[in-house]
Amino acid sequence: MPQVTYVLLTKGKTAAVRDFFSFMAFGMGGTVLSGVGQFGKTLVMRSCFGFAWNLASSQPVDMPAFDAALDRLPK
């Protein structure tokens, strides 16, 4: 979660829960527009990552070494 990283890097041990909510509402620029922009960037990045993860994990993978080892196991 980018807001946790940003708030902890800027506030350190003095960070409070209100700082996290403030970042989610007002972003790095301190305005509502900045908060909306940050939310949009986060949504796009997470969506792209999810798409890439699902695409990569759904591809067939040929692993002959594993297949040979599994064939030797008793059934």
Protein backbone atom coordinates (compact mmCIF):
# COMPACT_ATOMS: atom_id res chain seq x y z
CA MET A 1 0.00 0.00 0.00
CA PRO A 2 1.70 3.16 -1.15
CA GLN A 3 0.08 5.38 1.47
CA VAL A 4 1.64 3.38 4.30
CA THR A 5 5.11 3.71 2.78
CA TYR A 6 4.76 7.43 2.04
CA VAL A 7 3.36 8.32 5.45
CA LEU A 8 5.94 6.27 7.32
CA LEU A 9 8.80 7.73 5.28
CA THR A 10 7.61 11.29 5.88
CA LYS A 11 6.32 11.01 9.47
CA GLY A 12 8.24 8.06 10.88
CA LYS A 13 7.29 6.87 14.36
CA THR A 14 5.09 9.91 14.92
CA ALA A 15 2.62 8.77 12.24
CA ALA A 16 -0.95 8.37 13.44
CA VAL A 17 -3.98 6.71 11.87
CA ARG A 18 -5.32 10.14 10.92
CA ASP A 19 -2.17 10.69 8.81
CA PHE A 20 -3.02 7.63 6.71
CA PHE A 21 -6.61 8.76 6.20
CA SER A 22 -5.42 12.27 5.41
CA PHE A 23 -3.09 10.91 2.74
CA MET A 24 -5.88 8.81 1.24
CA ALA A 25 -8.18 11.84 1.10
CA PHE A 26 -5.70 14.55 0.08
CA GLY A 27 -2.76 12.70 -1.53
CA MET A 28 0.79 14.06 -1.54
CA GLY A 29 -0.27 17.52 -2.66
CA GLY A 30 -2.73 18.10 0.17
CA THR A 31 -5.72 18.74 -2.11
CA VAL A 32 -8.75 16.63 -2.91
CA LEU A 33 -7.66 16.57 -6.56
CA SER A 34 -4.29 15.17 -5.49
CA GLY A 35 -6.06 12.49 -3.46
CA VAL A 36 -8.27 11.54 -6.42
CA GLY A 37 -5.21 11.41 -8.67
CA GLN A 38 -3.34 9.20 -6.19
CA PHE A 39 -6.37 6.89 -5.95
CA GLY A 40 -6.55 6.68 -9.74
CA LYS A 41 -2.85 5.87 -10.08
CA THR A 42 -3.11 3.19 -7.38
CA LEU A 43 -6.18 1.66 -9.03
CA VAL A 44 -4.51 1.56 -12.45
CA MET A 45 -1.27 0.08 -11.09
CA ARG A 46 -3.08 -2.62 -9.12
CA SER A 47 -5.32 -3.46 -12.07
CA CYS A 48 -2.34 -3.76 -14.43
CA PHE A 49 -0.48 -5.92 -11.93
CA GLY A 50 -3.51 -8.18 -11.49
CA PHE A 51 -3.92 -8.52 -15.24
CA ALA A 52 -0.22 -9.32 -15.74
CA TRP A 53 -0.23 -11.81 -12.85
CA ASN A 54 -3.29 -13.62 -14.17
CA LEU A 55 -1.93 -13.64 -17.71
CA ALA A 56 1.44 -15.01 -16.63
CA SER A 57 0.00 -17.63 -14.27
CA SER A 58 -2.46 -18.96 -16.85
CA GLN A 59 0.21 -19.82 -19.43
CA PRO A 60 1.06 -23.51 -19.91
CA VAL A 61 4.49 -24.32 -18.53
CA ASP A 62 6.46 -27.34 -19.74
CA MET A 63 8.63 -28.79 -16.95
CA PRO A 64 9.99 -32.17 -18.10
CA ALA A 65 12.24 -32.60 -15.05
CA PHE A 66 9.30 -32.30 -12.68
CA ASP A 67 7.10 -34.51 -14.85
CA ALA A 68 9.74 -37.27 -14.87
CA ALA A 69 10.14 -37.08 -11.08
CA LEU A 70 6.37 -37.20 -10.54
CA ASP A 71 6.02 -40.19 -12.88
CA ARG A 72 8.45 -42.18 -10.69
CA LEU A 73 6.36 -41.68 -7.55
CA PRO A 74 4.08 -44.57 -6.51
CA LYS A 75 0.46 -43.99 -7.36
